[in-house]
Amino acid sequence: MPYTERSSTHCMCMPNTPTYILYHGKATGKDKQGKKIWTRIGAVWPNKSGKGFNLTWDYLPLGDGVTVMLPYEKDDANASPPEV
C-alpha cells in the first residue's frame, strides 16, 4: 500500500492500517489449548520509495525471533496467528 498525499496539508502520510504485524511467539509458554502464546510487538508499513518497509516496535523480544504476519480480523473469534 503506497503512501498517499493529503491535499489539505500537502504531506506524505502512512496508511492507517499496517501492511504486516510483528509477533513474538514464546516457545516455552502455552495457553489452555496448548497453543503457542503470541504477543503483538509491532507493525510494518511500506516506506515512501516503495522499495522497503518501516517497522514500528512496541516491544523488542529477546530470543525466539520475530514472526511477520498479514493483519487479521480481531472480530473473528477463531482468528489468531497460525503456528509456525
Foldseek 3Di string as FASTA:
>chain_A
DAWDADPVVRDTDFDPDAQKWKKAWDPPDADPVRHTDIDTFWGWHQDNVNPGIDIDGNDDDDDRDIDIGGDDDPVPPPDDDDDD
